[in-house]
Amino acid sequence: MIDCLGVQTTNVYSFREAVDRASVNGVPDFVIFDWIKVPDLNIPSLSTSQAETKSCSVAAASIVAKVIRDSLMETHYHPLYPEYGLAQHKGYGTKMHYEKLTEYGLSECHRRSFCGKLL
């Protein structure tokens, strides 16, 4: 989705979907976004820089997202593409990851809009 629509459009779509899913059990009172502005949201919201330093909820959500992403790299993507060492570097821009990209090129799980600029 990021490769097709761009990061900003995908972020707005994803955050709107997250708010919609959270609203299944009742509408949230307030939503805080880190930098992202979600237009035409029918819930009071705030878009602020460095939101994780200003809100314990945003900081906690950031940690949960990172842990889930890292776990997906280890348990889902690493078995599919073991030659990239995703279990070790979790897809972050480490020296090892760049070396693997140079050696093997991009896999199906790499974002071309980001990684394509590296090769």
PDB file of N, CA and C in Angstrom:
ATOM      1  N   MET A   1       0.824  -1.191   0.000  1.00  0.00           N
ATOM      2  CA  MET A   1       0.000   0.000   0.000  1.00  0.00           C
ATOM      3  C   MET A   1       0.869   1.255   0.000  1.00  0.00           C
ATOM      4  N   ILE A   2       1.950   1.229   0.814  1.00  0.00           N
ATOM      5  CA  ILE A   2       2.858   2.374   0.856  1.00  0.00           C
ATOM      6  C   ILE A   2       3.482   2.596  -0.513  1.00  0.00           C
ATOM      7  N   ASP A   3       3.897   1.516  -1.173  1.00  0.00           N
ATOM      8  CA  ASP A   3       4.520   1.648  -2.484  1.00  0.00           C
ATOM      9  C   ASP A   3       3.547   2.215  -3.519  1.00  0.00           C
ATOM     10  N   CYS A   4       2.270   1.907  -3.377  1.00  0.00           N
ATOM     11  CA  CYS A   4       1.268   2.385  -4.346  1.00  0.00           C
ATOM     12  C   CYS A   4       0.776   3.792  -4.055  1.00  0.00           C
ATOM     13  N   LEU A   5       0.512   4.088  -2.780  1.00  0.00           N
ATOM     14  CA  LEU A   5      -0.137   5.351  -2.417  1.00  0.00           C
ATOM     15  C   LEU A   5       0.777   6.371  -1.748  1.00  0.00           C
ATOM     16  N   GLY A   6       1.917   5.906  -1.239  1.00  0.00           N
ATOM     17  CA  GLY A   6       2.806   6.798  -0.499  1.00  0.00           C
ATOM     18  C   GLY A   6       2.571   6.660   0.999  1.00  0.00           C
ATOM     19  N   VAL A   7       3.563   7.081   1.772  1.00  0.00           N
ATOM     20  CA  VAL A   7       3.514   6.923   3.230  1.00  0.00           C
ATOM     21  C   VAL A   7       2.394   7.758   3.840  1.00  0.00           C
ATOM     22  N   GLN A   8       2.284   9.020   3.474  1.00  0.00           N
ATOM     23  CA  GLN A   8       1.300   9.907   4.104  1.00  0.00           C
ATOM     24  C   GLN A   8      -0.129   9.411   3.879  1.00  0.00           C
ATOM     25  N   THR A   9      -0.483   9.098   2.647  1.00  0.00           N
ATOM     26  CA  THR A   9      -1.840   8.625   2.345  1.00  0.00           C
ATOM     27  C   THR A   9      -2.128   7.313   3.061  1.00  0.00           C
ATOM     28  N   THR A  10      -1.151   6.419   3.081  1.00  0.00           N
ATOM     29  CA  THR A  10      -1.322   5.137   3.763  1.00  0.00           C
ATOM     30  C   THR A  10      -1.482   5.344   5.264  1.00  0.00           C
ATOM     31  N   ASN A  11      -0.704   6.246   5.851  1.00  0.00           N
ATOM     32  CA  ASN A  11      -0.845   6.533   7.284  1.00  0.00           C
ATOM     33  C   ASN A  11      -2.236   7.066   7.611  1.00  0.00           C
ATOM     34  N   VAL A  12      -2.717   8.017   6.833  1.00  0.00           N
ATOM     35  CA  VAL A  12      -4.057   8.579   7.083  1.00  0.00           C
ATOM     36  C   VAL A  12      -5.112   7.476   6.974  1.00  0.00           C
ATOM     37  N   TYR A  13      -5.030   6.653   5.941  1.00  0.00           N
ATOM     38  CA  TYR A  13      -5.968   5.544   5.772  1.00  0.00           C
ATOM     39  C   TYR A  13      -5.904   4.594   6.970  1.00  0.00           C
ATOM     40  N   SER A  14      -4.684   4.233   7.369  1.00  0.00           N
ATOM     41  CA  SER A  14      -4.504   3.275   8.462  1.00  0.00           C
ATOM     42  C   SER A  14      -5.006   3.817   9.788  1.00  0.00           C
ATOM     43  N   PHE A  15      -4.730   5.081  10.068  1.00  0.00           N
ATOM     44  CA  PHE A  15      -5.207   5.666  11.317  1.00  0.00           C
ATOM     45  C   PHE A  15      -6.728   5.798  11.317  1.00  0.00           C
ATOM     46  N   ARG A  16      -7.306   6.160  10.184  1.00  0.00           N
ATOM     47  CA  ARG A  16      -8.777   6.236  10.106  1.00  0.00           C
ATOM     48  C   ARG A  16      -9.376   4.854  10.350  1.00  0.00           C
ATOM     49  N   GLU A  17      -8.789   3.832   9.753  1.00  0.00           N
ATOM     50  CA  GLU A  17      -9.268   2.453   9.956  1.00  0.00           C
ATOM     51  C   GLU A  17      -9.115   2.040  11.418  1.00  0.00           C
ATOM     52  N   ALA A  18      -8.006   2.408  12.045  1.00  0.00           N
ATOM     53  CA  ALA A  18      -7.792   2.070  13.459  1.00  0.00           C
ATOM     54  C   ALA A  18      -8.842   2.740  14.341  1.00  0.00           C
ATOM     55  N   VAL A  19      -9.160   3.996  14.067  1.00  0.00           N
ATOM     56  CA  VAL A  19     -10.188   4.701  14.840  1.00  0.00           C
ATOM     57  C   VAL A  19     -11.542   4.041  14.613  1.00  0.00           C
ATOM     58  N   ASP A  20     -11.843   3.668  13.378  1.00  0.00           N
ATOM     59  CA  ASP A  20     -13.109   2.989  13.086  1.00  0.00           C
ATOM     60  C   ASP A  20     -13.209   1.663  13.838  1.00  0.00           C
ATOM     61  N   ARG A  21     -12.118   0.899  13.855  1.00  0.00           N
ATOM     62  CA  ARG A  21     -12.121  -0.383  14.570  1.00  0.00           C
ATOM     63  C   ARG A  21     -12.242  -0.181  16.076  1.00  0.00           C
ATOM     64  N   ALA A  22     -11.591   0.851  16.600  1.00  0.00           N
ATOM     65  CA  ALA A  22     -11.685   1.138  18.033  1.00  0.00           C
ATOM     66  C   ALA A  22     -13.103   1.573  18.402  1.00  0.00           C
ATOM     67  N   SER A  23     -13.828   2.117  17.434  1.00  0.00           N
ATOM     68  CA  SER A  23     -15.177   2.617  17.686  1.00  0.00           C
ATOM     69  C   SER A  23     -16.233   1.525  17.727  1.00  0.00           C
ATOM     70  N   VAL A  24     -15.863   0.290  17.412  1.00  0.00           N
ATOM     71  CA  VAL A  24     -16.823  -0.817  17.424  1.00  0.00           C
ATOM     72  C   VAL A  24     -17.422  -0.996  18.819  1.00  0.00           C
ATOM     73  N   ASN A  25     -16.620  -0.811  19.849  1.00  0.00           N
ATOM     74  CA  ASN A  25     -17.092  -0.978  21.226  1.00  0.00           C
ATOM     75  C   ASN A  25     -17.408   0.346  21.902  1.00  0.00           C
ATOM     76  N   GLY A  26     -17.664   1.364  21.142  1.00  0.00           N
ATOM     77  CA  GLY A  26     -17.942   2.692  21.666  1.00  0.00           C
ATOM     78  C   GLY A  26     -16.948   3.687  21.098  1.00  0.00           C
ATOM     79  N   VAL A  27     -17.430   4.874  20.863  1.00  0.00           N
ATOM     80  CA  VAL A  27     -16.601   5.899  20.231  1.00  0.00           C
ATOM     81  C   VAL A  27     -15.578   6.435  21.232  1.00  0.00           C
ATOM     82  N   PRO A  28     -14.300   6.491  20.834  1.00  0.00           N
ATOM     83  CA  PRO A  28     -13.292   7.090  21.723  1.00  0.00           C
ATOM     84  C   PRO A  28     -13.632   8.545  22.022  1.00  0.00           C
ATOM     85  N   ASP A  29     -13.264   9.019  23.207  1.00  0.00           N
ATOM     86  CA  ASP A  29     -13.518  10.412  23.587  1.00  0.00           C
ATOM     87  C   ASP A  29     -12.585  11.370  22.875  1.00  0.00           C
ATOM     88  N   PHE A  30     -11.359  10.907  22.610  1.00  0.00           N
ATOM     89  CA  PHE A  30     -10.331  11.788  22.070  1.00  0.00           C
ATOM     90  C   PHE A  30      -9.242  10.932  21.442  1.00  0.00           C
ATOM     91  N   VAL A  31      -8.642  11.416  20.370  1.00  0.00           N
ATOM     92  CA  VAL A  31      -7.583  10.678  19.694  1.00  0.00           C
ATOM     93  C   VAL A  31      -6.368  11.583  19.563  1.00  0.00           C
ATOM     94  N   ILE A  32      -5.195  11.021  19.864  1.00  0.00           N
ATOM     95  CA  ILE A  32      -3.944  11.759  19.723  1.00  0.00           C
ATOM     96  C   ILE A  32      -3.129  11.092  18.629  1.00  0.00           C
ATOM     97  N   PHE A  33      -2.670  11.884  17.668  1.00  0.00           N
ATOM     98  CA  PHE A  33      -1.850  11.397  16.569  1.00  0.00           C
ATOM     99  C   PHE A  33      -0.459  12.006  16.673  1.00  0.00           C
ATOM    100  N   ASP A  34       0.538  11.217  16.306  1.00  0.00           N
ATOM    101  CA  ASP A  34       1.902  11.713  16.260  1.00  0.00           C
ATOM    102  C   ASP A  34       2.170  12.232  14.851  1.00  0.00           C
ATOM    103  N   TRP A  35       2.086  13.537  14.682  1.00  0.00           N
ATOM    104  CA  TRP A  35       2.321  14.254  13.427  1.00  0.00           C
ATOM    105  C   TRP A  35       1.199  14.123  12.413  1.00  0.00           C
ATOM    106  N   ILE A  36       0.563  12.997  12.324  1.00  0.00           N
ATOM    107  CA  ILE A  36      -0.419  12.746  11.264  1.00  0.00           C
ATOM    108  C   ILE A  36      -1.697  13.534  11.535  1.00  0.00           C
ATOM    109  N   LYS A  37      -2.173  14.221  10.513  1.00  0.00           N
ATOM    110  CA  LYS A  37      -3.476  14.888  10.593  1.00  0.00           C
ATOM    111  C   LYS A  37      -4.461  14.041   9.794  1.00  0.00           C
ATOM    112  N   VAL A  38      -5.547  13.641  10.457  1.00  0.00           N
ATOM    113  CA  VAL A  38      -6.567  12.828   9.804  1.00  0.00           C
ATOM    114  C   VAL A  38      -7.775  13.732   9.580  1.00  0.00           C
ATOM    115  N   PRO A  39      -8.002  14.141   8.345  1.00  0.00           N
ATOM    116  CA  PRO A  39      -9.088  15.088   8.074  1.00  0.00           C
ATOM    117  C   PRO A  39     -10.464  14.454   8.250  1.00  0.00           C
ATOM    118  N   ASP A  40     -11.429  15.319   8.578  1.00  0.00           N
ATOM    119  CA  ASP A  40     -12.841  14.936   8.656  1.00  0.00           C
ATOM    120  C   ASP A  40     -13.113  13.799   9.624  1.00  0.00           C
ATOM    121  N   LEU A  41     -12.363  13.762  10.715  1.00  0.00           N
ATOM    122  CA  LEU A  41     -12.589  12.775  11.754  1.00  0.00           C
ATOM    123  C   LEU A  41     -13.698  13.309  12.658  1.00  0.00           C
ATOM    124  N   ASN A  42     -14.681  12.500  12.968  1.00  0.00           N
ATOM    125  CA  ASN A  42     -15.826  12.948  13.769  1.00  0.00           C
ATOM    126  C   ASN A  42     -15.598  12.778  15.266  1.00  0.00           C
ATOM    127  N   ILE A  43     -14.343  12.748  15.665  1.00  0.00           N
ATOM    128  CA  ILE A  43     -13.949  12.612  17.061  1.00  0.00           C
ATOM    129  C   ILE A  43     -12.931  13.711  17.344  1.00  0.00           C
ATOM    130  N   PRO A  44     -13.019  14.363  18.482  1.00  0.00           N
ATOM    131  CA  PRO A  44     -11.991  15.362  18.798  1.00  0.00           C
ATOM    132  C   PRO A  44     -10.607  14.712  18.775  1.00  0.00           C
ATOM    133  N   SER A  45      -9.640  15.425  18.175  1.00  0.00           N
ATOM    134  CA  SER A  45      -8.310  14.845  18.056  1.00  0.00           C
ATOM    135  C   SER A  45      -7.246  15.932  18.095  1.00  0.00           C
ATOM    136  N   LEU A  46      -6.033  15.471  18.313  1.00  0.00           N
ATOM    137  CA  LEU A  46      -4.874  16.352  18.352  1.00  0.00           C
ATOM    138  C   LEU A  46      -3.761  15.699  17.562  1.00  0.00           C
ATOM    139  N   SER A  47      -3.155  16.460  16.674  1.00  0.00           N
ATOM    140  CA  SER A  47      -1.968  16.012  15.962  1.00  0.00           C
ATOM    141  C   SER A  47      -0.807  16.841  16.485  1.00  0.00           C
ATOM    142  N   THR A  48       0.199  16.163  17.049  1.00  0.00           N
ATOM    143  CA  THR A  48       1.302  16.887  17.667  1.00  0.00           C
ATOM    144  C   THR A  48       2.624  16.172  17.394  1.00  0.00           C
ATOM    145  N   SER A  49       3.676  16.930  17.382  1.00  0.00           N
ATOM    146  CA  SER A  49       4.993  16.325  17.204  1.00  0.00           C
ATOM    147  C   SER A  49       5.424  15.644  18.494  1.00  0.00           C
ATOM    148  N   GLN A  50       6.201  14.602  18.356  1.00  0.00           N
ATOM    149  CA  GLN A  50       6.732  13.852  19.496  1.00  0.00           C
ATOM    150  C   GLN A  50       5.642  13.492  20.520  1.00  0.00           C
ATOM    151  N   ALA A  51       4.527  12.990  20.006  1.00  0.00           N
ATOM    152  CA  ALA A  51       3.385  12.662  20.855  1.00  0.00           C
ATOM    153  C   ALA A  51       3.728  11.654  21.937  1.00  0.00           C
ATOM    154  N   GLU A  52       4.683  10.757  21.645  1.00  0.00           N
ATOM    155  CA  GLU A  52       5.041   9.741  22.635  1.00  0.00           C
ATOM    156  C   GLU A  52       5.711  10.354  23.864  1.00  0.00           C
ATOM    157  N   THR A  53       6.224  11.568  23.759  1.00  0.00           N
ATOM    158  CA  THR A  53       6.809  12.239  24.924  1.00  0.00           C
ATOM    159  C   THR A  53       5.770  13.040  25.696  1.00  0.00           C
ATOM    160  N   LYS A  54       4.586  13.175  25.125  1.00  0.00           N
ATOM    161  CA  LYS A  54       3.530  13.997  25.734  1.00  0.00           C
ATOM    162  C   LYS A  54       2.345  13.180  26.232  1.00  0.00           C
ATOM    163  N   SER A  55       2.277  11.928  25.831  1.00  0.00           N
ATOM    164  CA  SER A  55       1.135  11.088  26.185  1.00  0.00           C
ATOM    165  C   SER A  55       1.607   9.678  26.507  1.00  0.00           C
ATOM    166  N   CYS A  56       1.259   9.209  27.691  1.00  0.00           N
ATOM    167  CA  CYS A  56       1.606   7.825  28.072  1.00  0.00           C
ATOM    168  C   CYS A  56       0.913   6.817  27.160  1.00  0.00           C
ATOM    169  N   SER A  57      -0.295   7.130  26.716  1.00  0.00           N
ATOM    170  CA  SER A  57      -1.023   6.219  25.822  1.00  0.00           C
ATOM    171  C   SER A  57      -0.316   6.077  24.488  1.00  0.00           C
ATOM    172  N   VAL A  58       0.167   7.188  23.935  1.00  0.00           N
ATOM    173  CA  VAL A  58       0.874   7.136  22.659  1.00  0.00           C
ATOM    174  C   VAL A  58       2.205   6.409  22.838  1.00  0.00           C
ATOM    175  N   ALA A  59       2.901   6.666  23.938  1.00  0.00           N
ATOM    176  CA  ALA A  59       4.173   5.980  24.206  1.00  0.00           C
ATOM    177  C   ALA A  59       3.944   4.466  24.310  1.00  0.00           C
ATOM    178  N   ALA A  60       2.905   4.061  25.004  1.00  0.00           N
ATOM    179  CA  ALA A  60       2.596   2.635  25.143  1.00  0.00           C
ATOM    180  C   ALA A  60       2.239   2.024  23.786  1.00  0.00           C
ATOM    181  N   ALA A  61       1.448   2.730  23.002  1.00  0.00           N
ATOM    182  CA  ALA A  61       1.072   2.228  21.674  1.00  0.00           C
ATOM    183  C   ALA A  61       2.302   2.093  20.781  1.00  0.00           C
ATOM    184  N   SER A  62       3.241   3.006  20.902  1.00  0.00           N
ATOM    185  CA  SER A  62       4.478   2.952  20.124  1.00  0.00           C
ATOM    186  C   SER A  62       5.290   1.709  20.476  1.00  0.00           C
ATOM    187  N   ILE A  63       5.360   1.396  21.750  1.00  0.00           N
ATOM    188  CA  ILE A  63       6.090   0.207  22.192  1.00  0.00           C
ATOM    189  C   ILE A  63       5.401  -1.057  21.692  1.00  0.00           C
ATOM    190  N   VAL A  64       4.084  -1.105  21.823  1.00  0.00           N
ATOM    191  CA  VAL A  64       3.325  -2.274  21.355  1.00  0.00           C
ATOM    192  C   VAL A  64       3.532  -2.468  19.852  1.00  0.00           C
ATOM    193  N   ALA A  65       3.466  -1.389  19.087  1.00  0.00           N
ATOM    194  CA  ALA A  65       3.643  -1.485  17.636  1.00  0.00           C
ATOM    195  C   ALA A  65       5.028  -2.010  17.285  1.00  0.00           C
ATOM    196  N   LYS A  66       6.064  -1.534  17.967  1.00  0.00           N
ATOM    197  CA  LYS A  66       7.424  -1.987  17.691  1.00  0.00           C
ATOM    198  C   LYS A  66       7.593  -3.465  18.038  1.00  0.00           C
ATOM    199  N   VAL A  67       7.060  -3.874  19.170  1.00  0.00           N
ATOM    200  CA  VAL A  67       7.173  -5.281  19.582  1.00  0.00           C
ATOM    201  C   VAL A  67       6.452  -6.188  18.583  1.00  0.00           C
ATOM    202  N   ILE A  68       5.273  -5.785  18.137  1.00  0.00           N
ATOM    203  CA  ILE A  68       4.522  -6.590  17.165  1.00  0.00           C
ATOM    204  C   ILE A  68       5.267  -6.647  15.834  1.00  0.00           C
ATOM    205  N   ARG A  69       5.789  -5.511  15.372  1.00  0.00           N
ATOM    206  CA  ARG A  69       6.532  -5.475  14.114  1.00  0.00           C
ATOM    207  C   ARG A  69       7.764  -6.379  14.188  1.00  0.00           C
ATOM    208  N   ASP A  70       8.523  -6.245  15.269  1.00  0.00           N
ATOM    209  CA  ASP A  70       9.722  -7.073  15.427  1.00  0.00           C
ATOM    210  C   ASP A  70       9.368  -8.556  15.476  1.00  0.00           C
ATOM    211  N   SER A  71       8.289  -8.886  16.155  1.00  0.00           N
ATOM    212  CA  SER A  71       7.837 -10.280  16.234  1.00  0.00           C
ATOM    213  C   SER A  71       7.440 -10.804  14.854  1.00  0.00           C
ATOM    214  N   LEU A  72       6.749  -9.987  14.067  1.00  0.00           N
ATOM    215  CA  LEU A  72       6.384 -10.393  12.701  1.00  0.00           C
ATOM    216  C   LEU A  72       7.620 -10.655  11.858  1.00  0.00           C
ATOM    217  N   MET A  73       8.638  -9.834  12.023  1.00  0.00           N
ATOM    218  CA  MET A  73       9.876 -10.046  11.272  1.00  0.00           C
ATOM    219  C   MET A  73      10.504 -11.395  11.636  1.00  0.00           C
ATOM    220  N   GLU A  74      10.489 -11.719  12.920  1.00  0.00           N
ATOM    221  CA  GLU A  74      11.094 -12.977  13.382  1.00  0.00           C
ATOM    222  C   GLU A  74      10.270 -14.200  13.007  1.00  0.00           C
ATOM    223  N   THR A  75       8.958 -14.143  13.269  1.00  0.00           N
ATOM    224  CA  THR A  75       8.133 -15.341  13.144  1.00  0.00           C
ATOM    225  C   THR A  75       7.506 -15.531  11.773  1.00  0.00           C
ATOM    226  N   HIS A  76       7.291 -14.455  11.032  1.00  0.00           N
ATOM    227  CA  HIS A  76       6.633 -14.573   9.727  1.00  0.00           C
ATOM    228  C   HIS A  76       7.607 -14.378   8.563  1.00  0.00           C
ATOM    229  N   TYR A  77       8.301 -13.242   8.541  1.00  0.00           N
ATOM    230  CA  TYR A  77       9.138 -12.928   7.387  1.00  0.00           C
ATOM    231  C   TYR A  77      10.478 -13.662   7.380  1.00  0.00           C
ATOM    232  N   HIS A  78      11.097 -13.858   8.543  1.00  0.00           N
ATOM    233  CA  HIS A  78      12.379 -14.560   8.563  1.00  0.00           C
ATOM    234  C   HIS A  78      12.273 -15.979   7.989  1.00  0.00           C
ATOM    235  N   PRO A  79      11.251 -16.760   8.370  1.00  0.00           N
ATOM    236  CA  PRO A  79      11.148 -18.100   7.769  1.00  0.00           C
ATOM    237  C   PRO A  79      10.941 -18.065   6.242  1.00  0.00           C
ATOM    238  N   LEU A  80      10.301 -17.030   5.744  1.00  0.00           N
ATOM    239  CA  LEU A  80      10.082 -16.912   4.297  1.00  0.00           C
ATOM    240  C   LEU A  80      11.344 -16.485   3.555  1.00  0.00           C
ATOM    241  N   TYR A  81      12.153 -15.645   4.214  1.00  0.00           N
ATOM    242  CA  TYR A  81      13.348 -15.075   3.582  1.00  0.00           C
ATOM    243  C   TYR A  81      14.538 -15.180   4.540  1.00  0.00           C
ATOM    244  N   PRO A  82      14.963 -16.390   4.903  1.00  0.00           N
ATOM    245  CA  PRO A  82      16.010 -16.554   5.915  1.00  0.00           C
ATOM    246  C   PRO A  82      17.351 -15.956   5.505  1.00  0.00           C
ATOM    247  N   GLU A  83      17.597 -15.866   4.217  1.00  0.00           N
ATOM    248  CA  GLU A  83      18.887 -15.347   3.761  1.00  0.00           C
ATOM    249  C   GLU A  83      19.113 -13.884   4.127  1.00  0.00           C
ATOM    250  N   TYR A  84      18.059 -13.154   4.466  1.00  0.00           N
ATOM    251  CA  TYR A  84      18.189 -11.732   4.808  1.00  0.00           C
ATOM    252  C   TYR A  84      18.527 -11.493   6.284  1.00  0.00           C
ATOM    253  N   GLY A  85      18.390 -12.512   7.129  1.00  0.00           N
ATOM    254  CA  GLY A  85      18.698 -12.344   8.548  1.00  0.00           C
ATOM    255  C   GLY A  85      17.717 -11.450   9.286  1.00  0.00           C
ATOM    256  N   LEU A  86      16.466 -11.472   8.865  1.00  0.00           N
ATOM    257  CA  LEU A  86      15.453 -10.584   9.464  1.00  0.00           C
ATOM    258  C   LEU A  86      15.248 -10.842  10.952  1.00  0.00           C
ATOM    259  N   ALA A  87      15.497 -12.057  11.405  1.00  0.00           N
ATOM    260  CA  ALA A  87      15.360 -12.351  12.838  1.00  0.00           C
ATOM    261  C   ALA A  87      16.409 -11.587  13.648  1.00  0.00           C
ATOM    262  N   GLN A  88      17.537 -11.268  13.031  1.00  0.00           N
ATOM    263  CA  GLN A  88      18.585 -10.544  13.748  1.00  0.00           C
ATOM    264  C   GLN A  88      18.369  -9.031  13.717  1.00  0.00           C
ATOM    265  N   HIS A  89      18.129  -8.462  12.539  1.00  0.00           N
ATOM    266  CA  HIS A  89      18.058  -7.000  12.434  1.00  0.00           C
ATOM    267  C   HIS A  89      16.637  -6.449  12.323  1.00  0.00           C
ATOM    268  N   LYS A  90      15.658  -7.333  12.231  1.00  0.00           N
ATOM    269  CA  LYS A  90      14.229  -6.979  12.214  1.00  0.00           C
ATOM    270  C   LYS A  90      13.843  -6.036  11.067  1.00  0.00           C
ATOM    271  N   GLY A  91      14.695  -5.967  10.054  1.00  0.00           N
ATOM    272  CA  GLY A  91      14.381  -5.107   8.916  1.00  0.00           C
ATOM    273  C   GLY A  91      14.840  -3.667   9.077  1.00  0.00           C
ATOM    274  N   TYR A  92      15.493  -3.355  10.173  1.00  0.00           N
ATOM    275  CA  TYR A  92      15.997  -1.991  10.370  1.00  0.00           C
ATOM    276  C   TYR A  92      17.255  -1.787   9.530  1.00  0.00           C
ATOM    277  N   GLY A  93      17.637  -0.563   9.324  1.00  0.00           N
ATOM    278  CA  GLY A  93      18.744  -0.210   8.449  1.00  0.00           C
ATOM    279  C   GLY A  93      20.114  -0.455   9.055  1.00  0.00           C
ATOM    280  N   THR A  94      20.394  -1.687   9.370  1.00  0.00           N
ATOM    281  CA  THR A  94      21.691  -2.037   9.942  1.00  0.00           C
ATOM    282  C   THR A  94      22.686  -2.352   8.824  1.00  0.00           C
ATOM    283  N   LYS A  95      23.955  -2.414   9.176  1.00  0.00           N
ATOM    284  CA  LYS A  95      24.990  -2.775   8.217  1.00  0.00           C
ATOM    285  C   LYS A  95      24.694  -4.151   7.617  1.00  0.00           C
ATOM    286  N   MET A  96      24.309  -5.104   8.487  1.00  0.00           N
ATOM    287  CA  MET A  96      24.002  -6.453   8.013  1.00  0.00           C
ATOM    288  C   MET A  96      22.860  -6.435   6.998  1.00  0.00           C
ATOM    289  N   HIS A  97      21.814  -5.666   7.289  1.00  0.00           N
ATOM    290  CA  HIS A  97      20.668  -5.623   6.382  1.00  0.00           C
ATOM    291  C   HIS A  97      21.079  -5.059   5.021  1.00  0.00           C
ATOM    292  N   TYR A  98      21.834  -3.983   5.024  1.00  0.00           N
ATOM    293  CA  TYR A  98      22.296  -3.402   3.759  1.00  0.00           C
ATOM    294  C   TYR A  98      23.166  -4.382   2.988  1.00  0.00           C
ATOM    295  N   GLU A  99      24.008  -5.130   3.696  1.00  0.00           N
ATOM    296  CA  GLU A  99      24.847  -6.135   3.040  1.00  0.00           C
ATOM    297  C   GLU A  99      23.985  -7.219   2.386  1.00  0.00           C
ATOM    298  N   LYS A 100      22.943  -7.650   3.093  1.00  0.00           N
ATOM    299  CA  LYS A 100      22.050  -8.682   2.550  1.00  0.00           C
ATOM    300  C   LYS A 100      21.277  -8.149   1.340  1.00  0.00           C
ATOM    301  N   LEU A 101      20.866  -6.894   1.405  1.00  0.00           N
ATOM    302  CA  LEU A 101      20.172  -6.294   0.262  1.00  0.00           C
ATOM    303  C   LEU A 101      21.095  -6.227  -0.952  1.00  0.00           C
ATOM    304  N   THR A 102      22.343  -5.872  -0.716  1.00  0.00           N
ATOM    305  CA  THR A 102      23.309  -5.823  -1.804  1.00  0.00           C
ATOM    306  C   THR A 102      23.542  -7.214  -2.387  1.00  0.00           C
ATOM    307  N   GLU A 103      23.614  -8.210  -1.508  1.00  0.00           N
ATOM    308  CA  GLU A 103      23.884  -9.576  -1.944  1.00  0.00           C
ATOM    309  C   GLU A 103      22.697 -10.214  -2.653  1.00  0.00           C
ATOM    310  N   TYR A 104      21.481 -10.045  -2.111  1.00  0.00           N
ATOM    311  CA  TYR A 104      20.313 -10.772  -2.619  1.00  0.00           C
ATOM    312  C   TYR A 104      19.295  -9.899  -3.356  1.00  0.00           C
ATOM    313  N   GLY A 105      19.436  -8.594  -3.285  1.00  0.00           N
ATOM    314  CA  GLY A 105      18.424  -7.722  -3.873  1.00  0.00           C
ATOM    315  C   GLY A 105      17.202  -7.648  -2.981  1.00  0.00           C
ATOM    316  N   LEU A 106      16.129  -7.097  -3.506  1.00  0.00           N
ATOM    317  CA  LEU A 106      14.903  -6.936  -2.721  1.00  0.00           C
ATOM    318  C   LEU A 106      14.064  -8.198  -2.751  1.00  0.00           C
ATOM    319  N   SER A 107      13.458  -8.520  -1.614  1.00  0.00           N
ATOM    320  CA  SER A 107      12.511  -9.631  -1.558  1.00  0.00           C
ATOM    321  C   SER A 107      11.108  -9.063  -1.725  1.00  0.00           C
ATOM    322  N   GLU A 108      10.127  -9.933  -1.709  1.00  0.00           N
ATOM    323  CA  GLU A 108       8.736  -9.489  -1.822  1.00  0.00           C
ATOM    324  C   GLU A 108       8.290  -8.664  -0.616  1.00  0.00           C
ATOM    325  N   CYS A 109       8.973  -8.819   0.525  1.00  0.00           N
ATOM    326  CA  CYS A 109       8.535  -8.090   1.723  1.00  0.00           C
ATOM    327  C   CYS A 109       9.180  -6.709   1.846  1.00  0.00           C
ATOM    328  N   HIS A 110      10.115  -6.382   0.967  1.00  0.00           N
ATOM    329  CA  HIS A 110      10.750  -5.069   1.046  1.00  0.00           C
ATOM    330  C   HIS A 110       9.905  -4.016   0.335  1.00  0.00           C
ATOM    331  N   ARG A 111       9.825  -2.840   0.942  1.00  0.00           N
ATOM    332  CA  ARG A 111       9.110  -1.723   0.326  1.00  0.00           C
ATOM    333  C   ARG A 111      10.002  -1.110  -0.741  1.00  0.00           C
ATOM    334  N   ARG A 112       9.570  -1.183  -1.952  1.00  0.00           N
ATOM    335  CA  ARG A 112      10.350  -0.631  -3.068  1.00  0.00           C
ATOM    336  C   ARG A 112      10.501   0.873  -2.955  1.00  0.00           C
ATOM    337  N   SER A 113       9.487   1.557  -2.451  1.00  0.00           N
ATOM    338  CA  SER A 113       9.544   3.015  -2.349  1.00  0.00           C
ATOM    339  C   SER A 113      10.633   3.469  -1.390  1.00  0.00           C
ATOM    340  N   PHE A 114      11.061   2.591  -0.479  1.00  0.00           N
ATOM    341  CA  PHE A 114      12.134   2.929   0.447  1.00  0.00           C
ATOM    342  C   PHE A 114      13.438   2.269   0.030  1.00  0.00           C
ATOM    343  N   CYS A 115      13.408   0.967  -0.122  1.00  0.00           N
ATOM    344  CA  CYS A 115      14.627   0.201  -0.394  1.00  0.00           C
ATOM    345  C   CYS A 115      15.160   0.430  -1.797  1.00  0.00           C
ATOM    346  N   GLY A 116      14.304   0.726  -2.730  1.00  0.00           N
ATOM    347  CA  GLY A 116      14.750   0.921  -4.102  1.00  0.00           C
ATOM    348  C   GLY A 116      15.781   2.030  -4.214  1.00  0.00           C
ATOM    349  N   LYS A 117      15.718   2.990  -3.315  1.00  0.00           N
ATOM    350  CA  LYS A 117      16.676   4.101  -3.322  1.00  0.00           C
ATOM    351  C   LYS A 117      18.047   3.671  -2.801  1.00  0.00           C
ATOM    352  N   LEU A 118      18.097   2.547  -2.103  1.00  0.00           N
ATOM    353  CA  LEU A 118      19.344   2.084  -1.521  1.00  0.00           C
ATOM    354  C   LEU A 118      20.201   1.291  -2.492  1.00  0.00           C
ATOM    355  N   LEU A 119      19.567   0.722  -3.480  1.00  0.00           N
ATOM    356  CA  LEU A 119      20.291  -0.178  -4.387  1.00  0.00           C
ATOM    357  C   LEU A 119      20.545   0.459  -5.728  1.00  0.00           C
TER     358      LEU A 119
END
